[in-house]
Amino acid sequence: MQDSEGRRRQMNGHDLAAAVGVRNVYISQIENNHRIPSREVLQKVAEALEVTVGFLLMETDNSAARRCRK
């Protein structure tokens, strides 16, 4: 299995939208700060990218979270 950094580099907006179950336009709006995702969508995005929600919110360094999960 790939590491999460590799997964983030390879997943485009369409792939992420499909994994999360939303339209790619919604992902684009989130990326461009035009929409604020619900907690549920944020959690699904984190799971799809194999990172923590805190990492997405720039609250944590995801490498520390990965070490805790191992």
C-alpha atoms as a PDB file:
ATOM      1  CA  MET A   1       0.000   0.000   0.000  1.00  0.00           C
ATOM      2  CA  GLN A   2       1.238   3.491  -0.804  1.00  0.00           C
ATOM      3  CA  ASP A   3       2.056   6.019   1.868  1.00  0.00           C
ATOM      4  CA  SER A   4      -0.432   8.848   2.339  1.00  0.00           C
ATOM      5  CA  GLU A   5       1.825  11.456   0.751  1.00  0.00           C
ATOM      6  CA  GLY A   6       1.985   9.408  -2.440  1.00  0.00           C
ATOM      7  CA  ARG A   7      -1.759   8.909  -2.349  1.00  0.00           C
ATOM      8  CA  ARG A   8      -2.361  12.660  -1.986  1.00  0.00           C
ATOM      9  CA  ARG A   9      -0.111  13.366  -4.985  1.00  0.00           C
ATOM     10  CA  GLN A  10      -1.898  10.832  -7.206  1.00  0.00           C
ATOM     11  CA  MET A  11      -5.514  11.604  -6.327  1.00  0.00           C
ATOM     12  CA  ASN A  12      -7.119  14.357  -8.375  1.00  0.00           C
ATOM     13  CA  GLY A  13     -10.336  16.222  -7.618  1.00  0.00           C
ATOM     14  CA  HIS A  14     -12.485  13.781  -9.586  1.00  0.00           C
ATOM     15  CA  ASP A  15     -10.985  10.777  -7.783  1.00  0.00           C
ATOM     16  CA  LEU A  16     -11.406  12.440  -4.409  1.00  0.00           C
ATOM     17  CA  ALA A  17     -15.001  13.415  -5.141  1.00  0.00           C
ATOM     18  CA  ALA A  18     -15.816   9.842  -6.148  1.00  0.00           C
ATOM     19  CA  ALA A  19     -14.162   8.444  -3.017  1.00  0.00           C
ATOM     20  CA  VAL A  20     -16.055  10.881  -0.785  1.00  0.00           C
ATOM     21  CA  GLY A  21     -19.376  10.605  -2.602  1.00  0.00           C
ATOM     22  CA  VAL A  22     -19.721  14.236  -3.659  1.00  0.00           C
ATOM     23  CA  ARG A  23     -19.441  16.087  -6.972  1.00  0.00           C
ATOM     24  CA  ASN A  24     -16.034  17.293  -8.086  1.00  0.00           C
ATOM     25  CA  VAL A  25     -17.387  20.860  -8.182  1.00  0.00           C
ATOM     26  CA  TYR A  26     -17.961  20.632  -4.417  1.00  0.00           C
ATOM     27  CA  ILE A  27     -14.360  19.495  -3.849  1.00  0.00           C
ATOM     28  CA  SER A  28     -13.151  22.414  -5.970  1.00  0.00           C
ATOM     29  CA  GLN A  29     -15.275  24.844  -3.956  1.00  0.00           C
ATOM     30  CA  ILE A  30     -13.785  23.501  -0.723  1.00  0.00           C
ATOM     31  CA  GLU A  31     -10.232  23.756  -2.112  1.00  0.00           C
ATOM     32  CA  ASN A  32     -10.839  27.365  -3.142  1.00  0.00           C
ATOM     33  CA  ASN A  33     -12.454  28.368   0.175  1.00  0.00           C
ATOM     34  CA  HIS A  34     -15.872  28.953  -1.392  1.00  0.00           C
ATOM     35  CA  ARG A  35     -17.581  26.243   0.704  1.00  0.00           C
ATOM     36  CA  ILE A  36     -17.022  24.855   4.176  1.00  0.00           C
ATOM     37  CA  PRO A  37     -17.446  21.076   4.275  1.00  0.00           C
ATOM     38  CA  SER A  38     -19.577  19.346   6.867  1.00  0.00           C
ATOM     39  CA  ARG A  39     -17.796  17.273   9.515  1.00  0.00           C
ATOM     40  CA  GLU A  40     -18.930  14.137   7.695  1.00  0.00           C
ATOM     41  CA  VAL A  41     -17.444  15.247   4.368  1.00  0.00           C
ATOM     42  CA  LEU A  42     -14.262  16.419   6.076  1.00  0.00           C
ATOM     43  CA  GLN A  43     -13.870  13.022   7.733  1.00  0.00           C
ATOM     44  CA  LYS A  44     -14.445  11.226   4.421  1.00  0.00           C
ATOM     45  CA  VAL A  45     -11.872  13.437   2.691  1.00  0.00           C
ATOM     46  CA  ALA A  46      -9.345  12.682   5.439  1.00  0.00           C
ATOM     47  CA  GLU A  47      -9.998   8.944   5.116  1.00  0.00           C
ATOM     48  CA  ALA A  48      -9.706   9.046   1.315  1.00  0.00           C
ATOM     49  CA  LEU A  49      -6.386  10.902   1.551  1.00  0.00           C
ATOM     50  CA  GLU A  50      -5.217   8.783   4.494  1.00  0.00           C
ATOM     51  CA  VAL A  51      -4.560  11.799   6.708  1.00  0.00           C
ATOM     52  CA  THR A  52      -6.111  13.154   9.881  1.00  0.00           C
ATOM     53  CA  VAL A  53      -8.818  15.800   9.977  1.00  0.00           C
ATOM     54  CA  GLY A  54      -6.384  17.899  12.027  1.00  0.00           C
ATOM     55  CA  PHE A  55      -3.893  17.722   9.176  1.00  0.00           C
ATOM     56  CA  LEU A  56      -6.530  18.961   6.716  1.00  0.00           C
ATOM     57  CA  LEU A  57      -7.317  21.825   9.066  1.00  0.00           C
ATOM     58  CA  MET A  58      -3.576  22.488   9.388  1.00  0.00           C
ATOM     59  CA  GLU A  59      -3.755  21.860  13.130  1.00  0.00           C
ATOM     60  CA  THR A  60      -1.283  18.968  13.219  1.00  0.00           C
ATOM     61  CA  ASP A  61       1.666  17.481  11.435  1.00  0.00           C
ATOM     62  CA  ASN A  62       0.292  14.284   9.925  1.00  0.00           C
ATOM     63  CA  SER A  63       3.612  12.459  10.372  1.00  0.00           C
ATOM     64  CA  ALA A  64       3.029  12.485  14.143  1.00  0.00           C
ATOM     65  CA  ALA A  65      -0.445  11.047  13.663  1.00  0.00           C
ATOM     66  CA  ARG A  66       0.912   8.279  11.437  1.00  0.00           C
ATOM     67  CA  ARG A  67       3.475   7.323  14.085  1.00  0.00           C
ATOM     68  CA  CYS A  68       0.705   6.997  16.671  1.00  0.00           C
ATOM     69  CA  ARG A  69      -1.343   4.675  14.462  1.00  0.00           C
ATOM     70  CA  LYS A  70       1.495   2.231  13.814  1.00  0.00           C
END
